[in-house]
mmCIF file of all heavy atoms, coordinates in Angstrom:
data_MODEL
# 
_entry.id   MODEL 
# 
loop_
_atom_site.group_PDB 
_atom_site.id 
_atom_site.type_symbol 
_atom_site.label_atom_id 
_atom_site.label_alt_id 
_atom_site.label_comp_id 
_atom_site.label_asym_id 
_atom_site.label_entity_id 
_atom_site.label_seq_id 
_atom_site.pdbx_PDB_ins_code 
_atom_site.Cartn_x 
_atom_site.Cartn_y 
_atom_site.Cartn_z 
_atom_site.occupancy 
_atom_site.B_iso_or_equiv 
_atom_site.pdbx_formal_charge 
_atom_site.auth_seq_id 
_atom_site.auth_comp_id 
_atom_site.auth_asym_id 
_atom_site.auth_atom_id 
_atom_site.pdbx_PDB_model_num 
ATOM 1   N N   . ASN A 1 1  ? 7.968   -0.242  -3.798  1.00 0.00 ? 1  ASN A N   1 
ATOM 2   C CA  . ASN A 1 1  ? 8.859   -1.428  -4.334  1.00 0.00 ? 1  ASN A CA  1 
ATOM 3   C C   . ASN A 1 1  ? 10.231  -1.213  -3.751  1.00 0.00 ? 1  ASN A C   1 
ATOM 4   O O   . ASN A 1 1  ? 11.016  -2.181  -3.423  1.00 0.00 ? 1  ASN A O   1 
ATOM 5   C CB  . ASN A 1 1  ? 8.815   -1.405  -5.825  1.00 0.00 ? 1  ASN A CB  1 
ATOM 6   C CG  . ASN A 1 1  ? 7.587   -1.862  -6.405  1.00 0.00 ? 1  ASN A CG  1 
ATOM 7   O OD1 . ASN A 1 1  ? 6.902   -2.696  -5.819  1.00 0.00 ? 1  ASN A OD1 1 
ATOM 8   N ND2 . ASN A 1 1  ? 7.187   -1.375  -7.541  1.00 0.00 ? 1  ASN A ND2 1 
ATOM 9   N N   . ALA A 1 2  ? 10.751  0.093   -3.792  1.00 0.00 ? 2  ALA A N   1 
ATOM 10  C CA  . ALA A 1 2  ? 12.105  0.317   -3.206  1.00 0.00 ? 2  ALA A CA  1 
ATOM 11  C C   . ALA A 1 2  ? 12.231  0.028   -1.736  1.00 0.00 ? 2  ALA A C   1 
ATOM 12  O O   . ALA A 1 2  ? 13.179  -0.655  -1.339  1.00 0.00 ? 2  ALA A O   1 
ATOM 13  C CB  . ALA A 1 2  ? 12.545  1.867   -3.573  1.00 0.00 ? 2  ALA A CB  1 
ATOM 14  N N   . LEU A 1 3  ? 11.187  0.495   -0.996  1.00 0.00 ? 3  LEU A N   1 
ATOM 15  C CA  . LEU A 1 3  ? 11.197  0.283   0.453   1.00 0.00 ? 3  LEU A CA  1 
ATOM 16  C C   . LEU A 1 3  ? 11.152  -1.216  0.856   1.00 0.00 ? 3  LEU A C   1 
ATOM 17  O O   . LEU A 1 3  ? 11.768  -1.665  1.730   1.00 0.00 ? 3  LEU A O   1 
ATOM 18  C CB  . LEU A 1 3  ? 10.093  1.099   1.081   1.00 0.00 ? 3  LEU A CB  1 
ATOM 19  C CG  . LEU A 1 3  ? 10.273  2.588   1.090   1.00 0.00 ? 3  LEU A CG  1 
ATOM 20  C CD1 . LEU A 1 3  ? 8.949   3.324   1.603   1.00 0.00 ? 3  LEU A CD1 1 
ATOM 21  C CD2 . LEU A 1 3  ? 11.485  3.017   1.822   1.00 0.00 ? 3  LEU A CD2 1 
ATOM 22  N N   . ARG A 1 4  ? 10.296  -1.978  0.078   1.00 0.00 ? 4  ARG A N   1 
ATOM 23  C CA  . ARG A 1 4  ? 10.245  -3.416  0.364   1.00 0.00 ? 4  ARG A CA  1 
ATOM 24  C C   . ARG A 1 4  ? 11.563  -4.102  0.231   1.00 0.00 ? 4  ARG A C   1 
ATOM 25  O O   . ARG A 1 4  ? 11.916  -4.925  1.204   1.00 0.00 ? 4  ARG A O   1 
ATOM 26  C CB  . ARG A 1 4  ? 9.073   -4.124  -0.327  1.00 0.00 ? 4  ARG A CB  1 
ATOM 27  C CG  . ARG A 1 4  ? 9.242   -4.331  -1.827  1.00 0.00 ? 4  ARG A CG  1 
ATOM 28  C CD  . ARG A 1 4  ? 8.239   -5.175  -2.402  1.00 0.00 ? 4  ARG A CD  1 
ATOM 29  N NE  . ARG A 1 4  ? 6.805   -4.812  -2.086  1.00 0.00 ? 4  ARG A NE  1 
ATOM 30  C CZ  . ARG A 1 4  ? 5.948   -4.401  -2.817  1.00 0.00 ? 4  ARG A CZ  1 
ATOM 31  N NH1 . ARG A 1 4  ? 6.320   -4.256  -4.099  1.00 0.00 ? 4  ARG A NH1 1 
ATOM 32  N NH2 . ARG A 1 4  ? 4.812   -4.044  -2.415  1.00 0.00 ? 4  ARG A NH2 1 
ATOM 33  N N   . VAL A 1 5  ? 12.379  -3.696  -0.699  1.00 0.00 ? 5  VAL A N   1 
ATOM 34  C CA  . VAL A 1 5  ? 13.703  -4.312  -0.893  1.00 0.00 ? 5  VAL A CA  1 
ATOM 35  C C   . VAL A 1 5  ? 14.611  -3.792  0.272   1.00 0.00 ? 5  VAL A C   1 
ATOM 36  O O   . VAL A 1 5  ? 15.342  -4.580  0.892   1.00 0.00 ? 5  VAL A O   1 
ATOM 37  C CB  . VAL A 1 5  ? 14.228  -4.055  -2.305  1.00 0.00 ? 5  VAL A CB  1 
ATOM 38  C CG1 . VAL A 1 5  ? 15.665  -4.465  -2.328  1.00 0.00 ? 5  VAL A CG1 1 
ATOM 39  C CG2 . VAL A 1 5  ? 13.478  -4.724  -3.341  1.00 0.00 ? 5  VAL A CG2 1 
ATOM 40  N N   . GLN A 1 6  ? 14.601  -2.425  0.409   1.00 0.00 ? 6  GLN A N   1 
ATOM 41  C CA  . GLN A 1 6  ? 15.505  -1.878  1.485   1.00 0.00 ? 6  GLN A CA  1 
ATOM 42  C C   . GLN A 1 6  ? 15.197  -2.299  2.846   1.00 0.00 ? 6  GLN A C   1 
ATOM 43  O O   . GLN A 1 6  ? 16.129  -2.473  3.692   1.00 0.00 ? 6  GLN A O   1 
ATOM 44  C CB  . GLN A 1 6  ? 15.393  -0.358  1.339   1.00 0.00 ? 6  GLN A CB  1 
ATOM 45  C CG  . GLN A 1 6  ? 16.405  0.331   2.130   1.00 0.00 ? 6  GLN A CG  1 
ATOM 46  C CD  . GLN A 1 6  ? 16.459  1.890   1.836   1.00 0.00 ? 6  GLN A CD  1 
ATOM 47  O OE1 . GLN A 1 6  ? 15.716  2.385   1.067   1.00 0.00 ? 6  GLN A OE1 1 
ATOM 48  N NE2 . GLN A 1 6  ? 17.406  2.544   2.461   1.00 0.00 ? 6  GLN A NE2 1 
ATOM 49  N N   . LEU A 1 7  ? 13.964  -2.598  3.228   1.00 0.00 ? 7  LEU A N   1 
ATOM 50  C CA  . LEU A 1 7  ? 13.620  -2.891  4.626   1.00 0.00 ? 7  LEU A CA  1 
ATOM 51  C C   . LEU A 1 7  ? 13.462  -4.436  4.807   1.00 0.00 ? 7  LEU A C   1 
ATOM 52  O O   . LEU A 1 7  ? 13.402  -4.773  6.011   1.00 0.00 ? 7  LEU A O   1 
ATOM 53  C CB  . LEU A 1 7  ? 12.371  -2.281  5.019   1.00 0.00 ? 7  LEU A CB  1 
ATOM 54  C CG  . LEU A 1 7  ? 12.325  -0.685  5.056   1.00 0.00 ? 7  LEU A CG  1 
ATOM 55  C CD1 . LEU A 1 7  ? 10.995  -0.103  5.218   1.00 0.00 ? 7  LEU A CD1 1 
ATOM 56  C CD2 . LEU A 1 7  ? 13.245  -0.248  6.102   1.00 0.00 ? 7  LEU A CD2 1 
ATOM 57  N N   . ALA A 1 8  ? 13.613  -5.206  3.897   1.00 0.00 ? 8  ALA A N   1 
ATOM 58  C CA  . ALA A 1 8  ? 13.444  -6.645  4.049   1.00 0.00 ? 8  ALA A CA  1 
ATOM 59  C C   . ALA A 1 8  ? 14.529  -7.266  4.965   1.00 0.00 ? 8  ALA A C   1 
ATOM 60  O O   . ALA A 1 8  ? 14.108  -8.107  5.826   1.00 0.00 ? 8  ALA A O   1 
ATOM 61  C CB  . ALA A 1 8  ? 13.470  -7.345  2.638   1.00 0.00 ? 8  ALA A CB  1 
ATOM 62  N N   . ASP A 1 9  ? 15.658  -6.850  4.879   1.00 0.00 ? 9  ASP A N   1 
ATOM 63  C CA  . ASP A 1 9  ? 16.736  -7.429  5.815   1.00 0.00 ? 9  ASP A CA  1 
ATOM 64  C C   . ASP A 1 9  ? 16.603  -6.918  7.289   1.00 0.00 ? 9  ASP A C   1 
ATOM 65  O O   . ASP A 1 9  ? 17.301  -7.470  8.148   1.00 0.00 ? 9  ASP A O   1 
ATOM 66  C CB  . ASP A 1 9  ? 18.118  -7.139  5.308   1.00 0.00 ? 9  ASP A CB  1 
ATOM 67  C CG  . ASP A 1 9  ? 18.523  -5.650  5.315   1.00 0.00 ? 9  ASP A CG  1 
ATOM 68  O OD1 . ASP A 1 9  ? 17.620  -4.734  5.500   1.00 0.00 ? 9  ASP A OD1 1 
ATOM 69  O OD2 . ASP A 1 9  ? 19.695  -5.333  5.118   1.00 0.00 ? 9  ASP A OD2 1 
ATOM 70  N N   . GLN A 1 10 ? 15.681  -6.004  7.523   1.00 0.00 ? 10 GLN A N   1 
ATOM 71  C CA  . GLN A 1 10 ? 15.282  -5.624  8.902   1.00 0.00 ? 10 GLN A CA  1 
ATOM 72  C C   . GLN A 1 10 ? 14.058  -6.296  9.373   1.00 0.00 ? 10 GLN A C   1 
ATOM 73  O O   . GLN A 1 10 ? 13.564  -5.949  10.426  1.00 0.00 ? 10 GLN A O   1 
ATOM 74  C CB  . GLN A 1 10 ? 15.124  -4.071  8.949   1.00 0.00 ? 10 GLN A CB  1 
ATOM 75  C CG  . GLN A 1 10 ? 16.398  -3.314  8.513   1.00 0.00 ? 10 GLN A CG  1 
ATOM 76  C CD  . GLN A 1 10 ? 16.167  -1.845  8.563   1.00 0.00 ? 10 GLN A CD  1 
ATOM 77  O OE1 . GLN A 1 10 ? 15.506  -1.299  9.473   1.00 0.00 ? 10 GLN A OE1 1 
ATOM 78  N NE2 . GLN A 1 10 ? 16.600  -1.148  7.539   1.00 0.00 ? 10 GLN A NE2 1 
ATOM 79  N N   . GLY A 1 11 ? 13.580  -7.242  8.669   1.00 0.00 ? 11 GLY A N   1 
ATOM 80  C CA  . GLY A 1 11 ? 12.435  -8.026  9.078   1.00 0.00 ? 11 GLY A CA  1 
ATOM 81  C C   . GLY A 1 11 ? 11.096  -7.280  8.871   1.00 0.00 ? 11 GLY A C   1 
ATOM 82  O O   . GLY A 1 11 ? 10.051  -7.581  9.400   1.00 0.00 ? 11 GLY A O   1 
ATOM 83  N N   . ILE A 1 12 ? 11.124  -6.297  7.920   1.00 0.00 ? 12 ILE A N   1 
ATOM 84  C CA  . ILE A 1 12 ? 9.907   -5.467  7.666   1.00 0.00 ? 12 ILE A CA  1 
ATOM 85  C C   . ILE A 1 12 ? 9.437   -5.831  6.340   1.00 0.00 ? 12 ILE A C   1 
ATOM 86  O O   . ILE A 1 12 ? 10.107  -5.675  5.323   1.00 0.00 ? 12 ILE A O   1 
ATOM 87  C CB  . ILE A 1 12 ? 10.209  -3.984  7.785   1.00 0.00 ? 12 ILE A CB  1 
ATOM 88  C CG1 . ILE A 1 12 ? 10.719  -3.673  9.270   1.00 0.00 ? 12 ILE A CG1 1 
ATOM 89  C CG2 . ILE A 1 12 ? 9.001   -3.165  7.468   1.00 0.00 ? 12 ILE A CG2 1 
ATOM 90  C CD1 . ILE A 1 12 ? 11.158  -2.254  9.398   1.00 0.00 ? 12 ILE A CD1 1 
ATOM 91  N N   . ARG A 1 13 ? 8.197   -6.316  6.202   1.00 0.00 ? 13 ARG A N   1 
ATOM 92  C CA  . ARG A 1 13 ? 7.569   -6.591  4.963   1.00 0.00 ? 13 ARG A CA  1 
ATOM 93  C C   . ARG A 1 13 ? 6.774   -5.308  4.584   1.00 0.00 ? 13 ARG A C   1 
ATOM 94  O O   . ARG A 1 13 ? 5.924   -4.865  5.368   1.00 0.00 ? 13 ARG A O   1 
ATOM 95  C CB  . ARG A 1 13 ? 6.611   -7.768  5.104   1.00 0.00 ? 13 ARG A CB  1 
ATOM 96  C CG  . ARG A 1 13 ? 5.836   -8.038  3.786   1.00 0.00 ? 13 ARG A CG  1 
ATOM 97  C CD  . ARG A 1 13 ? 4.989   -9.287  3.880   1.00 0.00 ? 13 ARG A CD  1 
ATOM 98  N NE  . ARG A 1 13 ? 5.852   -10.467 3.899   1.00 0.00 ? 13 ARG A NE  1 
ATOM 99  C CZ  . ARG A 1 13 ? 6.304   -11.273 2.883   1.00 0.00 ? 13 ARG A CZ  1 
ATOM 100 N NH1 . ARG A 1 13 ? 5.940   -10.896 1.633   1.00 0.00 ? 13 ARG A NH1 1 
ATOM 101 N NH2 . ARG A 1 13 ? 7.023   -12.204 3.062   1.00 0.00 ? 13 ARG A NH2 1 
ATOM 102 N N   . VAL A 1 14 ? 6.966   -4.833  3.313   1.00 0.00 ? 14 VAL A N   1 
ATOM 103 C CA  . VAL A 1 14 ? 6.285   -3.627  2.853   1.00 0.00 ? 14 VAL A CA  1 
ATOM 104 C C   . VAL A 1 14 ? 5.365   -4.235  1.851   1.00 0.00 ? 14 VAL A C   1 
ATOM 105 O O   . VAL A 1 14 ? 5.723   -4.677  0.829   1.00 0.00 ? 14 VAL A O   1 
ATOM 106 C CB  . VAL A 1 14 ? 7.243   -2.587  2.275   1.00 0.00 ? 14 VAL A CB  1 
ATOM 107 C CG1 . VAL A 1 14 ? 6.385   -1.363  1.791   1.00 0.00 ? 14 VAL A CG1 1 
ATOM 108 C CG2 . VAL A 1 14 ? 8.223   -2.124  3.404   1.00 0.00 ? 14 VAL A CG2 1 
ATOM 109 N N   . ALA A 1 15 ? 3.948   -3.992  2.119   1.00 0.00 ? 15 ALA A N   1 
ATOM 110 C CA  . ALA A 1 15 ? 2.985   -4.444  1.231   1.00 0.00 ? 15 ALA A CA  1 
ATOM 111 C C   . ALA A 1 15 ? 2.279   -3.159  0.589   1.00 0.00 ? 15 ALA A C   1 
ATOM 112 O O   . ALA A 1 15 ? 2.142   -2.140  1.212   1.00 0.00 ? 15 ALA A O   1 
ATOM 113 C CB  . ALA A 1 15 ? 1.900   -5.303  1.879   1.00 0.00 ? 15 ALA A CB  1 
ATOM 114 N N   . GLY A 1 16 ? 1.782   -3.358  -0.623  1.00 0.00 ? 16 GLY A N   1 
ATOM 115 C CA  . GLY A 1 16 ? 0.974   -2.342  -1.200  1.00 0.00 ? 16 GLY A CA  1 
ATOM 116 C C   . GLY A 1 16 ? -0.518  -2.839  -1.373  1.00 0.00 ? 16 GLY A C   1 
ATOM 117 O O   . GLY A 1 16 ? -0.650  -3.891  -1.911  1.00 0.00 ? 16 GLY A O   1 
ATOM 118 N N   . LEU A 1 17 ? -1.447  -2.039  -0.943  1.00 0.00 ? 17 LEU A N   1 
ATOM 119 C CA  . LEU A 1 17 ? -2.882  -2.417  -1.075  1.00 0.00 ? 17 LEU A CA  1 
ATOM 120 C C   . LEU A 1 17 ? -3.379  -1.528  -2.339  1.00 0.00 ? 17 LEU A C   1 
ATOM 121 O O   . LEU A 1 17 ? -3.385  -0.216  -2.218  1.00 0.00 ? 17 LEU A O   1 
ATOM 122 C CB  . LEU A 1 17 ? -3.617  -1.954  0.176   1.00 0.00 ? 17 LEU A CB  1 
ATOM 123 C CG  . LEU A 1 17 ? -5.103  -2.078  0.072   1.00 0.00 ? 17 LEU A CG  1 
ATOM 124 C CD1 . LEU A 1 17 ? -5.522  -3.569  -0.100  1.00 0.00 ? 17 LEU A CD1 1 
ATOM 125 C CD2 . LEU A 1 17 ? -5.773  -1.499  1.291   1.00 0.00 ? 17 LEU A CD2 1 
ATOM 126 N N   . HIS A 1 18 ? -3.836  -2.280  -3.343  1.00 0.00 ? 18 HIS A N   1 
ATOM 127 C CA  . HIS A 1 18 ? -4.355  -1.609  -4.523  1.00 0.00 ? 18 HIS A CA  1 
ATOM 128 C C   . HIS A 1 18 ? -5.870  -1.696  -4.529  1.00 0.00 ? 18 HIS A C   1 
ATOM 129 O O   . HIS A 1 18 ? -6.427  -2.897  -4.369  1.00 0.00 ? 18 HIS A O   1 
ATOM 130 C CB  . HIS A 1 18 ? -3.794  -2.295  -5.825  1.00 0.00 ? 18 HIS A CB  1 
ATOM 131 C CG  . HIS A 1 18 ? -2.362  -2.071  -5.856  1.00 0.00 ? 18 HIS A CG  1 
ATOM 132 N ND1 . HIS A 1 18 ? -1.709  -0.939  -6.505  1.00 0.00 ? 18 HIS A ND1 1 
ATOM 133 C CD2 . HIS A 1 18 ? -1.256  -2.864  -5.473  1.00 0.00 ? 18 HIS A CD2 1 
ATOM 134 C CE1 . HIS A 1 18 ? -0.424  -0.985  -6.387  1.00 0.00 ? 18 HIS A CE1 1 
ATOM 135 N NE2 . HIS A 1 18 ? -0.112  -2.179  -5.820  1.00 0.00 ? 18 HIS A NE2 1 
ATOM 136 N N   . VAL A 1 19 ? -6.575  -0.581  -4.596  1.00 0.00 ? 19 VAL A N   1 
ATOM 137 C CA  . VAL A 1 19 ? -8.064  -0.568  -4.462  1.00 0.00 ? 19 VAL A CA  1 
ATOM 138 C C   . VAL A 1 19 ? -8.533  0.265   -5.651  1.00 0.00 ? 19 VAL A C   1 
ATOM 139 O O   . VAL A 1 19 ? -7.941  1.289   -6.009  1.00 0.00 ? 19 VAL A O   1 
ATOM 140 C CB  . VAL A 1 19 ? -8.425  0.137   -3.112  1.00 0.00 ? 19 VAL A CB  1 
ATOM 141 C CG1 . VAL A 1 19 ? -10.003 0.074   -3.031  1.00 0.00 ? 19 VAL A CG1 1 
ATOM 142 C CG2 . VAL A 1 19 ? -7.790  -0.491  -1.887  1.00 0.00 ? 19 VAL A CG2 1 
ATOM 143 N N   . GLY A 1 20 ? -9.651  -0.093  -6.225  1.00 0.00 ? 20 GLY A N   1 
ATOM 144 C CA  . GLY A 1 20 ? -10.344 0.619   -7.161  1.00 0.00 ? 20 GLY A CA  1 
ATOM 145 C C   . GLY A 1 20 ? -11.204 1.705   -6.357  1.00 0.00 ? 20 GLY A C   1 
ATOM 146 O O   . GLY A 1 20 ? -10.641 2.537   -5.799  1.00 0.00 ? 20 GLY A O   1 
ATOM 147 N N   . TYR A 1 21 ? -12.465 1.560   -6.436  1.00 0.00 ? 21 TYR A N   1 
ATOM 148 C CA  . TYR A 1 21 ? -13.372 2.459   -5.736  1.00 0.00 ? 21 TYR A CA  1 
ATOM 149 C C   . TYR A 1 21 ? -13.776 1.964   -4.473  1.00 0.00 ? 21 TYR A C   1 
ATOM 150 O O   . TYR A 1 21 ? -14.390 0.928   -4.351  1.00 0.00 ? 21 TYR A O   1 
ATOM 151 C CB  . TYR A 1 21 ? -14.596 2.800   -6.568  1.00 0.00 ? 21 TYR A CB  1 
ATOM 152 C CG  . TYR A 1 21 ? -14.330 3.645   -7.836  1.00 0.00 ? 21 TYR A CG  1 
ATOM 153 C CD1 . TYR A 1 21 ? -14.677 3.120   -9.053  1.00 0.00 ? 21 TYR A CD1 1 
ATOM 154 C CD2 . TYR A 1 21 ? -13.733 4.856   -7.864  1.00 0.00 ? 21 TYR A CD2 1 
ATOM 155 C CE1 . TYR A 1 21 ? -14.448 3.797   -10.208 1.00 0.00 ? 21 TYR A CE1 1 
ATOM 156 C CE2 . TYR A 1 21 ? -13.378 5.563   -8.931  1.00 0.00 ? 21 TYR A CE2 1 
ATOM 157 C CZ  . TYR A 1 21 ? -13.794 5.019   -10.156 1.00 0.00 ? 21 TYR A CZ  1 
ATOM 158 O OH  . TYR A 1 21 ? -13.554 5.723   -11.244 1.00 0.00 ? 21 TYR A OH  1 
ATOM 159 N N   . MET A 1 22 ? -13.455 2.664   -3.387  1.00 0.00 ? 22 MET A N   1 
ATOM 160 C CA  . MET A 1 22 ? -13.925 2.371   -2.090  1.00 0.00 ? 22 MET A CA  1 
ATOM 161 C C   . MET A 1 22 ? -15.064 3.409   -1.673  1.00 0.00 ? 22 MET A C   1 
ATOM 162 O O   . MET A 1 22 ? -14.982 4.534   -2.136  1.00 0.00 ? 22 MET A O   1 
ATOM 163 C CB  . MET A 1 22 ? -12.827 2.477   -1.025  1.00 0.00 ? 22 MET A CB  1 
ATOM 164 C CG  . MET A 1 22 ? -12.818 1.482   0.007   1.00 0.00 ? 22 MET A CG  1 
ATOM 165 S SD  . MET A 1 22 ? -11.437 1.478   1.126   1.00 0.00 ? 22 MET A SD  1 
ATOM 166 C CE  . MET A 1 22 ? -10.096 2.479   0.562   1.00 0.00 ? 22 MET A CE  1 
ATOM 167 N N   . ASP A 1 23 ? -16.061 2.917   -1.046  1.00 0.00 ? 23 ASP A N   1 
ATOM 168 C CA  . ASP A 1 23 ? -17.252 3.868   -0.741  1.00 0.00 ? 23 ASP A CA  1 
ATOM 169 C C   . ASP A 1 23 ? -16.841 4.880   0.327   1.00 0.00 ? 23 ASP A C   1 
ATOM 170 O O   . ASP A 1 23 ? -17.066 4.645   1.525   1.00 0.00 ? 23 ASP A O   1 
ATOM 171 C CB  . ASP A 1 23 ? -18.478 2.976   -0.291  1.00 0.00 ? 23 ASP A CB  1 
ATOM 172 C CG  . ASP A 1 23 ? -19.769 3.736   -0.255  1.00 0.00 ? 23 ASP A CG  1 
ATOM 173 O OD1 . ASP A 1 23 ? -19.678 4.829   -0.812  1.00 0.00 ? 23 ASP A OD1 1 
ATOM 174 O OD2 . ASP A 1 23 ? -20.705 3.199   0.267   1.00 0.00 ? 23 ASP A OD2 1 
ATOM 175 N N   . THR A 1 24 ? -16.213 5.857   -0.053  1.00 0.00 ? 24 THR A N   1 
ATOM 176 C CA  . THR A 1 24 ? -15.783 6.956   0.839   1.00 0.00 ? 24 THR A CA  1 
ATOM 177 C C   . THR A 1 24 ? -16.189 8.355   0.136   1.00 0.00 ? 24 THR A C   1 
ATOM 178 O O   . THR A 1 24 ? -16.669 8.396   -0.945  1.00 0.00 ? 24 THR A O   1 
ATOM 179 C CB  . THR A 1 24 ? -14.273 6.980   0.884   1.00 0.00 ? 24 THR A CB  1 
ATOM 180 O OG1 . THR A 1 24 ? -13.697 7.257   -0.422  1.00 0.00 ? 24 THR A OG1 1 
ATOM 181 C CG2 . THR A 1 24 ? -13.663 5.618   1.328   1.00 0.00 ? 24 THR A CG2 1 
ATOM 182 N N   . GLU A 1 25 ? -16.019 9.328   0.953   1.00 0.00 ? 25 GLU A N   1 
ATOM 183 C CA  . GLU A 1 25 ? -16.376 10.705  0.490   1.00 0.00 ? 25 GLU A CA  1 
ATOM 184 C C   . GLU A 1 25 ? -15.649 11.033  -0.804  1.00 0.00 ? 25 GLU A C   1 
ATOM 185 O O   . GLU A 1 25 ? -16.199 11.746  -1.653  1.00 0.00 ? 25 GLU A O   1 
ATOM 186 C CB  . GLU A 1 25 ? -15.877 11.620  1.701   1.00 0.00 ? 25 GLU A CB  1 
ATOM 187 C CG  . GLU A 1 25 ? -16.238 13.084  1.305   1.00 0.00 ? 25 GLU A CG  1 
ATOM 188 C CD  . GLU A 1 25 ? -17.797 13.391  1.403   1.00 0.00 ? 25 GLU A CD  1 
ATOM 189 O OE1 . GLU A 1 25 ? -18.546 12.611  2.053   1.00 0.00 ? 25 GLU A OE1 1 
ATOM 190 O OE2 . GLU A 1 25 ? -18.208 14.390  0.744   1.00 0.00 ? 25 GLU A OE2 1 
ATOM 191 N N   . MET A 1 26 ? -14.391 10.568  -0.981  1.00 0.00 ? 26 MET A N   1 
ATOM 192 C CA  . MET A 1 26 ? -13.642 10.928  -2.088  1.00 0.00 ? 26 MET A CA  1 
ATOM 193 C C   . MET A 1 26 ? -14.280 10.567  -3.479  1.00 0.00 ? 26 MET A C   1 
ATOM 194 O O   . MET A 1 26 ? -14.158 11.288  -4.399  1.00 0.00 ? 26 MET A O   1 
ATOM 195 C CB  . MET A 1 26 ? -12.291 10.198  -2.047  1.00 0.00 ? 26 MET A CB  1 
ATOM 196 C CG  . MET A 1 26 ? -11.372 10.484  -3.221  1.00 0.00 ? 26 MET A CG  1 
ATOM 197 S SD  . MET A 1 26 ? -9.785  9.521   -3.000  1.00 0.00 ? 26 MET A SD  1 
ATOM 198 C CE  . MET A 1 26 ? -9.389  9.172   -4.637  1.00 0.00 ? 26 MET A CE  1 
ATOM 199 N N   . VAL A 1 27 ? -15.094 9.479   -3.481  1.00 0.00 ? 27 VAL A N   1 
ATOM 200 C CA  . VAL A 1 27 ? -15.584 9.001   -4.667  1.00 0.00 ? 27 VAL A CA  1 
ATOM 201 C C   . VAL A 1 27 ? -17.236 8.970   -4.647  1.00 0.00 ? 27 VAL A C   1 
ATOM 202 O O   . VAL A 1 27 ? -17.829 8.317   -5.408  1.00 0.00 ? 27 VAL A O   1 
ATOM 203 C CB  . VAL A 1 27 ? -15.114 7.640   -5.176  1.00 0.00 ? 27 VAL A CB  1 
ATOM 204 C CG1 . VAL A 1 27 ? -13.681 7.668   -5.458  1.00 0.00 ? 27 VAL A CG1 1 
ATOM 205 C CG2 . VAL A 1 27 ? -15.435 6.601   -4.123  1.00 0.00 ? 27 VAL A CG2 1 
ATOM 206 N N   . ARG A 1 28 ? -17.752 9.786   -3.748  1.00 0.00 ? 28 ARG A N   1 
ATOM 207 C CA  . ARG A 1 28 ? -19.173 9.833   -3.618  1.00 0.00 ? 28 ARG A CA  1 
ATOM 208 C C   . ARG A 1 28 ? -19.957 10.086  -4.980  1.00 0.00 ? 28 ARG A C   1 
ATOM 209 O O   . ARG A 1 28 ? -20.887 9.542   -5.265  1.00 0.00 ? 28 ARG A O   1 
ATOM 210 C CB  . ARG A 1 28 ? -19.679 10.884  -2.615  1.00 0.00 ? 28 ARG A CB  1 
ATOM 211 C CG  . ARG A 1 28 ? -21.118 10.986  -2.411  1.00 0.00 ? 28 ARG A CG  1 
ATOM 212 C CD  . ARG A 1 28 ? -21.673 11.949  -1.419  1.00 0.00 ? 28 ARG A CD  1 
ATOM 213 N NE  . ARG A 1 28 ? -20.649 12.783  -0.773  1.00 0.00 ? 28 ARG A NE  1 
ATOM 214 C CZ  . ARG A 1 28 ? -20.900 13.982  -0.429  1.00 0.00 ? 28 ARG A CZ  1 
ATOM 215 N NH1 . ARG A 1 28 ? -22.082 14.559  -0.518  1.00 0.00 ? 28 ARG A NH1 1 
ATOM 216 N NH2 . ARG A 1 28 ? -20.018 14.670  0.234   1.00 0.00 ? 28 ARG A NH2 1 
ATOM 217 N N   . ALA A 1 29 ? -19.324 10.945  -5.800  1.00 0.00 ? 29 ALA A N   1 
ATOM 218 C CA  . ALA A 1 29 ? -20.100 11.375  -7.021  1.00 0.00 ? 29 ALA A CA  1 
ATOM 219 C C   . ALA A 1 29 ? -19.736 10.426  -8.160  1.00 0.00 ? 29 ALA A C   1 
ATOM 220 O O   . ALA A 1 29 ? -20.426 10.600  -9.148  1.00 0.00 ? 29 ALA A O   1 
ATOM 221 C CB  . ALA A 1 29 ? -19.483 12.760  -7.430  1.00 0.00 ? 29 ALA A CB  1 
# 
């Protein structure tokens, strides 16, 4: 959130990707 405001005037959009469970090693169990 802080970076998206700080970088907006430089033409940089900062997005956050929110994910629950992705089928990866991390959540195999």
